[in-house]
Protein backbone atom coordinates (compact mmCIF):
# COMPACT_ATOMS: atom_id res chain seq x y z
CA MET A 1 39.49 3.80 43.40
CA ARG A 2 35.78 4.54 42.79
CA PRO A 3 36.52 7.29 40.12
CA LEU A 4 39.00 4.98 38.71
CA ALA A 5 36.47 2.30 38.31
CA VAL A 6 34.30 4.66 36.88
CA ALA A 7 36.67 5.81 34.26
CA VAL A 8 37.27 2.22 33.21
CA VAL A 9 33.83 1.28 32.77
CA LEU A 10 33.53 4.73 30.46
CA LEU A 11 36.68 3.98 28.30
CA LEU A 12 35.31 0.25 27.84
CA LEU A 13 31.77 1.53 26.53
CA LEU A 14 33.37 4.36 24.30
CA SER A 15 35.87 1.83 22.94
CA GLN A 16 32.84 -0.51 21.94
CA VAL A 17 30.91 2.32 20.57
CA LYS A 18 34.07 3.33 18.14
CA ALA A 19 34.53 -0.53 17.32
CA ILE A 20 31.18 -0.35 15.07
CA GLU A 21 30.66 1.89 12.45
CA ILE A 22 26.90 3.13 11.84
CA THR A 23 26.74 3.28 8.23
CA ASN A 24 22.65 4.04 7.81
CA TYR A 25 20.70 4.88 10.75
CA ARG A 26 16.88 4.76 9.73
CA ALA A 27 14.19 5.92 12.02
CA SER A 28 10.61 6.32 11.89
CA LEU A 29 7.52 7.30 14.08
CA GLU A 30 3.86 7.15 13.72
CA ILE A 31 1.84 8.83 15.80
CA GLU A 32 -1.53 7.42 17.16
CA ASP A 33 -3.74 9.10 19.24
CA GLU A 34 -0.94 10.19 21.84
CA LEU A 35 1.01 7.07 21.50
CA ALA A 36 3.70 6.83 18.99
CA ARG A 37 4.90 3.66 17.36
CA GLY A 38 8.99 3.37 16.48
CA GLU A 39 10.69 1.87 14.40
CA VAL A 40 15.03 2.09 14.29
CA THR A 41 17.23 0.12 11.58
CA LEU A 42 21.12 0.33 12.31
CA SER A 43 23.37 -1.00 9.32
CA LEU A 44 26.30 -2.11 11.50
CA LEU A 45 30.02 -2.65 10.17
CA ASN A 46 33.02 -3.40 11.91
CA ASP A 47 35.92 -1.21 10.93
CA GLN A 48 38.16 -2.23 13.92
CA ASN A 49 40.74 -5.40 14.31
CA THR A 50 38.60 -6.75 17.36
CA THR A 51 35.59 -9.21 17.28
CA ILE A 52 32.45 -7.84 18.23
CA ALA A 53 30.43 -10.32 20.23
CA GLU A 54 27.11 -8.00 21.40
CA PHE A 55 26.07 -4.49 20.46
CA ARG A 56 24.82 -1.94 22.63
CA TYR A 57 23.16 1.41 21.74
CA PRO A 58 20.67 3.99 23.43
CA LEU A 59 17.07 5.03 22.74
CA PHE A 60 15.39 7.61 24.21
CA GLY A 61 12.25 7.62 26.01
CA ARG A 62 10.02 5.40 27.95
CA LEU A 63 9.83 2.12 25.66
CA ALA A 64 6.77 -0.57 25.48
CA ASN A 65 6.42 -3.69 23.64
CA LEU A 66 10.28 -3.69 22.61
CA GLU A 67 11.26 -5.97 19.91
CA VAL A 68 14.93 -6.61 18.41
CA LEU A 69 15.28 -8.05 14.96
CA SER A 70 17.57 -9.06 12.22
CA GLY A 71 15.44 -9.55 8.87
CA ASP A 72 12.65 -11.44 10.20
CA LYS A 73 14.55 -13.19 13.28
CA ARG A 74 13.94 -12.11 16.58
CA LEU A 75 16.98 -11.62 18.80
CA SER A 76 17.42 -11.71 22.38
CA PHE A 77 18.24 -8.61 24.38
CA SER A 78 18.33 -6.92 27.76
CA VAL A 79 18.22 -3.48 28.94
CA GLU A 80 19.59 -0.79 31.13
CA VAL A 81 17.50 2.40 31.79
CA SER A 82 20.16 5.49 32.97
CA GLY A 83 18.00 8.57 32.77
CA GLU A 84 16.18 9.46 29.68
CA ARG A 85 18.10 6.76 27.87
CA THR A 86 17.25 3.04 27.53
CA TYR A 87 20.63 0.87 26.38
CA VAL A 88 19.59 -2.01 24.59
CA ILE A 89 22.27 -4.81 24.74
CA THR A 90 21.96 -7.37 21.95
CA PRO A 91 24.18 -10.54 21.75
CA LEU A 92 24.94 -11.10 18.09
CA PRO A 93 24.32 -14.53 16.66
CA GLU A 94 27.50 -14.71 15.32
CA PRO A 95 30.55 -12.91 16.33
CA LEU A 96 31.08 -9.98 13.95
CA GLU A 97 34.79 -10.11 12.57
CA HIS A 98 36.66 -7.11 10.77
CA GLY A 99 34.97 -5.79 7.80
CA GLU A 100 31.39 -7.77 8.10
CA SER A 101 28.51 -5.81 8.14
CA TYR A 102 25.18 -6.50 10.04
CA GLU A 103 21.55 -4.68 10.35
CA ILE A 104 19.48 -4.66 13.60
CA THR A 105 16.00 -3.32 13.86
CA TYR A 106 14.44 -2.22 17.00
CA ARG A 107 10.51 -1.98 17.16
CA TYR A 108 8.79 -0.30 19.88
CA ILE A 109 6.23 2.24 21.53
CA LEU A 110 7.18 5.13 22.64
CA ARG A 111 4.80 6.50 25.81
CA ASP A 112 4.83 10.26 27.11
CA VAL A 113 6.20 11.64 23.99
CA VAL A 114 2.95 13.67 23.06
CA GLU A 115 1.57 16.22 25.21
CA ARG A 116 -2.29 17.74 24.50
CA HIS A 117 -3.08 20.96 25.28
CA GLU A 118 -6.67 21.26 24.17
CA ASN A 119 -6.75 20.93 20.50
CA ILE A 120 -3.16 21.55 20.33
CA TYR A 121 -0.24 18.47 20.38
CA ILE A 122 3.39 18.61 21.05
CA LEU A 123 5.63 15.56 20.06
CA SER A 124 9.03 15.55 21.60
CA VAL A 125 11.50 12.61 20.54
CA THR A 126 15.42 12.20 20.80
CA HIS A 127 17.78 9.89 18.89
CA SER A 128 21.50 9.62 19.61
CA LEU A 129 23.73 10.35 16.92
CA PHE A 130 27.29 9.27 18.24
CA ALA A 131 30.27 10.11 16.25
CA ASN A 132 30.59 6.64 14.39
CA VAL A 133 26.79 7.49 12.71
CA LYS A 134 27.61 8.36 9.18
CA ASN A 135 24.01 8.61 7.46
CA PHE A 136 20.80 9.48 9.52
CA GLU A 137 17.24 9.79 8.15
CA PHE A 138 14.26 10.21 10.27
CA THR A 139 10.41 10.40 9.52
CA VAL A 140 7.27 11.18 11.74
CA ALA A 141 4.00 10.23 10.36
CA LEU A 142 1.15 12.33 11.81
CA PRO A 143 -2.56 10.76 12.37
CA PRO A 144 -5.00 11.32 9.48
CA GLY A 145 -6.77 14.43 9.62
CA TYR A 146 -3.82 16.49 11.62
CA GLY A 147 -1.49 19.12 10.03
CA VAL A 148 1.37 20.96 11.53
CA VAL A 149 0.95 24.52 12.83
CA GLU A 150 2.70 27.40 11.52
CA ASN A 151 6.27 27.26 12.52
CA GLY A 152 5.73 24.27 14.45
CA VAL A 153 8.67 22.15 13.29
CA SER A 154 12.03 21.99 14.84
CA PRO A 155 14.82 21.59 13.19
CA GLU A 156 13.18 22.40 9.82
CA SER A 157 12.12 19.35 8.04
CA THR A 158 11.04 18.29 4.35
CA PRO A 159 7.22 17.77 4.51
CA THR A 160 5.51 15.05 2.45
CA SER A 161 2.36 13.06 2.42
CA ASP A 162 1.22 9.63 1.31
CA GLY A 163 -2.12 10.92 0.58
CA ARG A 164 -3.83 10.23 3.88
CA ARG A 165 -1.29 11.74 6.42
CA VAL A 166 1.33 14.39 6.52
CA ILE A 167 4.85 12.99 6.92
CA LEU A 168 7.98 15.30 7.91
CA LYS A 169 11.47 13.90 7.25
CA TRP A 170 14.90 14.87 8.12
CA GLU A 171 18.23 13.80 6.94
CA LEU A 172 22.00 14.16 8.11
CA HIS A 173 25.02 13.05 6.72
CA GLU A 174 28.58 12.70 7.55
CA PRO A 175 30.29 14.81 9.19
CA ILE A 176 27.03 15.26 11.42
CA PRO A 177 27.65 18.51 13.45
CA PRO A 178 28.36 17.75 16.97
CA GLU A 179 25.39 19.99 18.23
CA PHE A 180 23.44 17.09 16.74
CA LYS A 181 24.60 14.32 19.07
CA ASP A 182 21.39 14.12 20.65
CA PHE A 183 19.03 15.10 17.92
CA ARG A 184 15.73 16.55 19.07
CA VAL A 185 12.57 17.07 17.07
CA ILE A 186 9.75 19.32 18.40
CA VAL A 187 6.48 18.98 16.18
CA ILE A 188 3.36 20.93 17.03
CA TYR A 189 0.35 19.71 15.28
CA GLU A 190 -3.43 20.07 15.57
CA ASN A 191 -6.69 18.36 14.32
CA LEU A 192 -7.90 19.83 10.97
CA PHE A 193 -11.48 19.11 11.62
CA GLU A 194 -11.87 20.37 15.41
CA ALA A 195 -9.57 23.40 14.75
CA ARG A 196 -11.67 24.76 11.76
CA ASN A 197 -15.44 24.17 12.35
CA TYR A 198 -16.14 26.20 9.09
CA LEU A 199 -15.01 23.00 7.16
CA TYR A 200 -18.55 22.06 5.57
CA PRO A 201 -19.56 25.57 4.68
CA ALA A 202 -16.17 25.86 3.04
CA LEU A 203 -16.40 22.44 1.28
CA LEU A 204 -19.85 23.71 -0.28
CA ALA A 205 -18.09 27.04 -1.29
CA LEU A 206 -15.11 25.41 -2.84
CA ALA A 207 -17.66 22.90 -4.99
CA ALA A 208 -19.25 26.53 -6.31
CA LEU A 209 -15.71 27.79 -6.89
CA VAL A 210 -14.75 24.51 -9.10
CA ILE A 211 -17.90 24.75 -11.31
CA LEU A 212 -17.52 28.57 -11.79
CA PHE A 213 -14.08 27.98 -12.93
CA LEU A 214 -14.83 25.11 -15.56
CA SER A 215 -17.67 27.35 -16.67
CA TYR A 216 -14.90 30.28 -16.99
CA LYS A 217 -12.64 28.16 -18.98
CA TYR A 218 -15.55 26.87 -21.35
CA LEU A 219 -16.82 30.17 -22.05
CA LYS A 220 -13.12 31.55 -22.79
CA ALA A 221 -12.68 28.77 -25.32
CA ARG A 222 -15.54 29.99 -27.07
CA GLY A 223 -14.31 33.79 -27.43
CA VAL A 224 -16.51 35.32 -24.74
CA SER A 225 -15.42 39.16 -24.16
CA ILE A 226 -12.78 39.86 -21.77
CA ARG A 227 -15.06 41.97 -19.91
CA LEU A 228 -17.59 39.06 -19.17
CA LEU A 229 -14.45 36.83 -18.47
CA LEU A 230 -13.35 39.40 -15.76
CA ASP A 231 -16.59 39.68 -14.25
CA ARG A 232 -16.97 35.95 -13.85
CA LYS A 233 -13.38 35.60 -12.48
CA LYS A 234 -14.53 38.48 -9.90
CA ARG A 235 -17.37 36.27 -8.80
CA LEU A 236 -15.49 33.23 -8.73
CA GLU A 237 -13.01 35.04 -6.26
CA GLU A 238 -15.77 36.47 -4.18
CA LYS A 239 -16.71 32.55 -3.51
CA ILE A 240 -13.78 32.20 -1.55
CA GLU A 241 -13.83 34.65 0.96
CA ILE A 242 -14.95 32.43 3.47
CA LEU A 243 -11.52 31.09 3.13
CA LYS A 244 -8.91 32.47 5.42
CA GLU A 245 -6.66 35.47 4.35
CA ASP A 246 -3.51 33.07 3.45
CA GLU A 247 -5.58 30.43 1.91
CA GLN A 248 -7.85 32.57 -0.13
CA LYS A 249 -4.23 34.23 -1.44
CA ILE A 250 -3.03 30.75 -2.31
CA MET A 251 -6.28 29.86 -3.87
CA LYS A 252 -6.29 33.07 -6.05
CA LEU A 253 -2.71 32.06 -7.49
CA ILE A 254 -4.12 28.88 -8.38
CA ILE A 255 -7.33 30.37 -10.05
CA ASP A 256 -4.76 32.76 -12.00
CA ASN A 257 -2.42 30.09 -12.77
CA ASP A 258 -3.83 26.76 -13.20
CA GLY A 259 -0.83 24.42 -13.30
CA ILE A 260 1.38 26.52 -10.81
CA ASP A 261 4.29 24.81 -9.54
CA GLN A 262 4.56 24.53 -5.77
CA ARG A 263 7.43 26.40 -5.17
CA ASP A 264 6.46 29.43 -7.22
CA ILE A 265 3.85 29.78 -4.75
CA VAL A 266 6.21 29.87 -1.82
CA ARG A 267 7.99 32.51 -3.75
CA ILE A 268 5.04 34.55 -4.69
CA THR A 269 3.52 34.50 -1.42
CA GLY A 270 6.48 34.87 0.73
CA PHE A 271 4.85 31.98 3.04
CA SER A 272 7.48 29.32 4.54
CA LYS A 273 7.43 25.79 2.63
CA THR A 274 5.78 24.51 5.36
CA LYS A 275 3.08 26.71 5.53
CA VAL A 276 2.21 26.53 1.94
CA SER A 277 2.50 22.58 2.28
CA ARG A 278 -0.02 22.83 5.14
CA ILE A 279 -2.55 25.13 3.23
CA LEU A 280 -2.35 22.94 0.20
CA SER A 281 -2.73 19.49 1.89
CA GLU A 282 -6.09 21.11 3.68
CA LEU A 283 -7.21 22.28 0.42
CA GLU A 284 -6.84 18.95 -1.15
CA LYS A 285 -8.72 17.43 1.48
CA ARG A 286 -11.43 19.43 1.06
CA GLY A 287 -11.30 18.58 -2.73
CA ALA A 288 -10.64 21.98 -4.12
CA ILE A 289 -7.16 21.34 -5.59
CA ARG A 290 -5.16 18.51 -6.88
CA LYS A 291 -1.35 17.83 -7.04
CA GLU A 292 0.24 16.32 -9.79
CA GLN A 293 3.96 14.92 -9.15
CA ILE A 294 6.64 15.60 -11.96
CA GLY A 295 10.03 14.13 -10.68
CA ARG A 296 10.69 16.09 -7.42
CA ARG A 297 8.29 19.00 -8.01
CA ASN A 298 4.56 19.55 -7.25
CA ARG A 299 2.13 21.18 -9.79
CA ILE A 300 -1.31 22.30 -8.28
CA TYR A 301 -4.44 22.50 -10.27
CA LEU A 302 -7.84 23.14 -9.24
CA ALA A 303 -9.52 19.88 -8.47
CA LYS A 304 -11.30 18.36 -11.48
CA LYS A 305 -15.06 17.96 -12.00
CA PRO A 306 -16.25 14.57 -10.89
C-alpha cells in the first residue's frame, strides 16, 4: 500500500503542475557580499478545464525573508522543504478559472550560494523549469567593482552593464531542452580592485595615454609629417606596457581604430565575448575608454578629455 500511496501523491502533484501553464518565468539575483537577493515572477495561465485554488512551485536553496506577492498585495503561503528544493504553496485569493491568468512574485534572500576562495567567489544557483514553462529569463548582477574571471560562466551568458555592475543574462524559449529542467548557473568572479594591485599606476599611465592620443589627433589635423606621427604613436603604445598583454592588445586596437565596434574586437583578437566585455569594463572603470551604444551594438572610443 505504501508504494501505491506514494504513486498517488506524485500523480496528484504532476497533474497540478500540468494544470497551469507558466507563460513567462522571470528571475533575477543581486549579489551583495556573500548573500544573494532573489526575485522570481511567474505569469500563470490556467489552460485546463479544472479550477485552480492554489499554486505550488519549488525554489532551490536555503531561503530567508521570503515574501509572496501579487502586484503590491502580499499573499499568504506555506513551505515544504524537500532536499535542495523549497516548495512554496500559495492559496490564490480567487480560484483561477479556465483561460484566466495570474502573476505571482517571490522575493527572498538566498544563503550559502556563494563560496569564497581568497579573492575568488563562486556562485551556484538553480531554477526548476518544468515542461509547462514557455519562456525563461534570468539575470545575475555582480557587486560593484567585481568582474567575471576568464571562462568563469556556465552556461554561456550575455554580459551587460548598468554603468556600475556587471550583469549576466540568460534566456530560454519554448521548447526548452529537457537537460535544462534544472537550470543551473555557475559564475566565478573576483574583486577587480583586490585582484589588481597595480590599479593606481595604471590609471596614471592611461591618463597620459589619453593626453598623448589627443595631441596626436591635433597635430595630424595640421599636416604633421607621417614620420612624426608614427613616432608619437610608438611612444603612445609604449605608455600602455604597464597593462597586461591582453589589455594591451585591445588598447592598441582602440588607438588605431578610435570608434571600433566591440564585435570587431572579438573577431580580431580571437578572445571570447565574455573576456572582451570584462577587459573593456575594467578599462572603462579606469577612465581609459568610453562606450557608446548604437542600437544593440557598442562602439568603443578612447575616453574624452575631462
